[in-house]
Amino acid sequence: MVKHIVMFKLTEKNPDNMAKAVNALKGMEGKIETLRYIEVGTDYNGYERSFDIVLVTHFESREGLKVYETHKNHEPVRNIMRSLSSTSAVVDYEV
């Protein structure tokens, strides 16, 4: 199994942008055949070094992750997140 985790720091953290980001990420559920699990969380501490949103996804294989990366239902979400975020961090690993 491959886990793909992305953390986002929003350029302007406000309720509208948080909702837009969370809804976009959660909207991928059931729309990408290789996406086996999706979880979206929001930070509640607000520390200076904290990220605002985290995306946790699982795939059967590296190939499944590659399908996701270029999938037609992932591209618009990637664009939304890039427009709302000042920075992001990603880690992909096998378990």
Protein backbone atom coordinates (compact mmCIF):
# COMPACT_ATOMS: atom_id res chain seq x y z
CA MET A 1 0.00 0.00 0.00
CA VAL A 2 1.13 3.56 -0.74
CA LYS A 3 0.23 6.49 1.48
CA HIS A 4 0.21 9.99 -0.02
CA ILE A 5 0.00 12.81 2.51
CA VAL A 6 -0.17 16.51 1.64
CA MET A 7 -0.29 19.43 4.07
CA PHE A 8 -1.44 22.86 2.97
CA LYS A 9 -0.92 26.32 4.44
CA LEU A 10 -3.49 28.72 3.07
CA THR A 11 -2.47 32.16 1.85
CA GLU A 12 -5.56 33.65 3.48
CA LYS A 13 -6.97 31.45 6.22
CA ASN A 14 -10.61 32.36 6.59
CA PRO A 15 -13.82 30.32 6.83
CA ASP A 16 -14.65 30.65 3.11
CA ASN A 17 -11.22 29.51 1.92
CA MET A 18 -11.12 26.68 4.46
CA ALA A 19 -14.54 25.45 3.30
CA LYS A 20 -13.60 25.74 -0.37
CA ALA A 21 -10.40 23.75 0.17
CA VAL A 22 -11.96 21.04 2.33
CA ASN A 23 -14.91 20.60 -0.03
CA ALA A 24 -12.62 20.36 -3.06
CA LEU A 25 -10.44 17.71 -1.41
CA LYS A 26 -13.35 15.67 -0.05
CA GLY A 27 -15.04 15.92 -3.44
CA MET A 28 -12.52 13.47 -4.90
CA GLU A 29 -13.96 10.61 -2.86
CA GLY A 30 -15.47 7.98 -5.13
CA LYS A 31 -14.37 9.79 -8.30
CA ILE A 32 -10.89 8.31 -8.81
CA GLU A 33 -10.79 4.55 -9.27
CA THR A 34 -7.35 3.99 -7.69
CA LEU A 35 -8.07 6.13 -4.61
CA ARG A 36 -8.79 3.59 -1.83
CA TYR A 37 -9.04 5.92 1.17
CA ILE A 38 -9.26 9.66 1.70
CA GLU A 39 -9.20 11.70 4.87
CA VAL A 40 -9.17 15.49 5.18
CA GLY A 41 -8.36 17.21 8.46
CA THR A 42 -8.05 20.79 9.63
CA ASP A 43 -5.64 22.05 12.27
CA TYR A 44 -7.16 23.32 15.50
CA ASN A 45 -4.02 24.57 17.31
CA GLY A 46 -2.96 27.32 14.93
CA TYR A 47 0.70 27.28 15.88
CA GLU A 48 2.98 29.36 13.67
CA ARG A 49 4.59 26.24 12.19
CA SER A 50 1.25 24.41 11.76
CA PHE A 51 -0.26 23.70 8.40
CA ASP A 52 -3.96 24.44 7.99
CA ILE A 53 -5.22 21.34 6.18
CA VAL A 54 -3.97 17.79 5.73
CA LEU A 55 -4.94 15.28 3.04
CA VAL A 56 -4.27 11.59 3.72
CA THR A 57 -4.84 9.14 0.86
CA HIS A 58 -4.13 5.44 0.30
CA PHE A 59 -3.46 3.57 -2.94
CA GLU A 60 -2.82 -0.11 -3.68
CA SER A 61 0.47 0.65 -5.46
CA ARG A 62 2.79 3.30 -6.85
CA GLU A 63 1.02 2.86 -10.17
CA GLY A 64 -2.29 3.71 -8.50
CA LEU A 65 -0.78 6.92 -7.17
CA LYS A 66 0.49 7.78 -10.66
CA VAL A 67 -3.03 7.34 -12.07
CA TYR A 68 -4.35 9.70 -9.37
CA GLU A 69 -1.71 12.34 -10.09
CA THR A 70 -2.90 12.84 -13.66
CA HIS A 71 -6.57 11.92 -13.24
CA LYS A 72 -9.14 14.32 -14.71
CA ASN A 73 -10.92 14.57 -11.33
CA HIS A 74 -7.70 15.41 -9.50
CA GLU A 75 -6.48 18.20 -11.79
CA PRO A 76 -9.20 20.76 -10.86
CA VAL A 77 -8.65 20.07 -7.15
CA ARG A 78 -4.91 20.55 -7.55
CA ASN A 79 -5.58 23.90 -9.26
CA ILE A 80 -7.94 25.03 -6.48
CA MET A 81 -5.45 24.07 -3.79
CA ARG A 82 -2.59 25.84 -5.57
CA SER A 83 -4.70 29.00 -5.87
CA LEU A 84 -5.56 28.95 -2.14
CA SER A 85 -2.22 27.82 -0.68
CA SER A 86 0.98 29.67 0.05
CA THR A 87 2.88 26.44 0.57
CA SER A 88 2.40 22.70 0.81
CA ALA A 89 4.42 19.68 1.85
CA VAL A 90 4.05 16.13 0.59
CA VAL A 91 5.29 12.68 1.54
CA ASP A 92 4.67 9.40 -0.29
CA TYR A 93 5.65 6.10 1.32
CA GLU A 94 4.94 2.39 1.16
CA VAL A 95 3.60 0.34 4.06
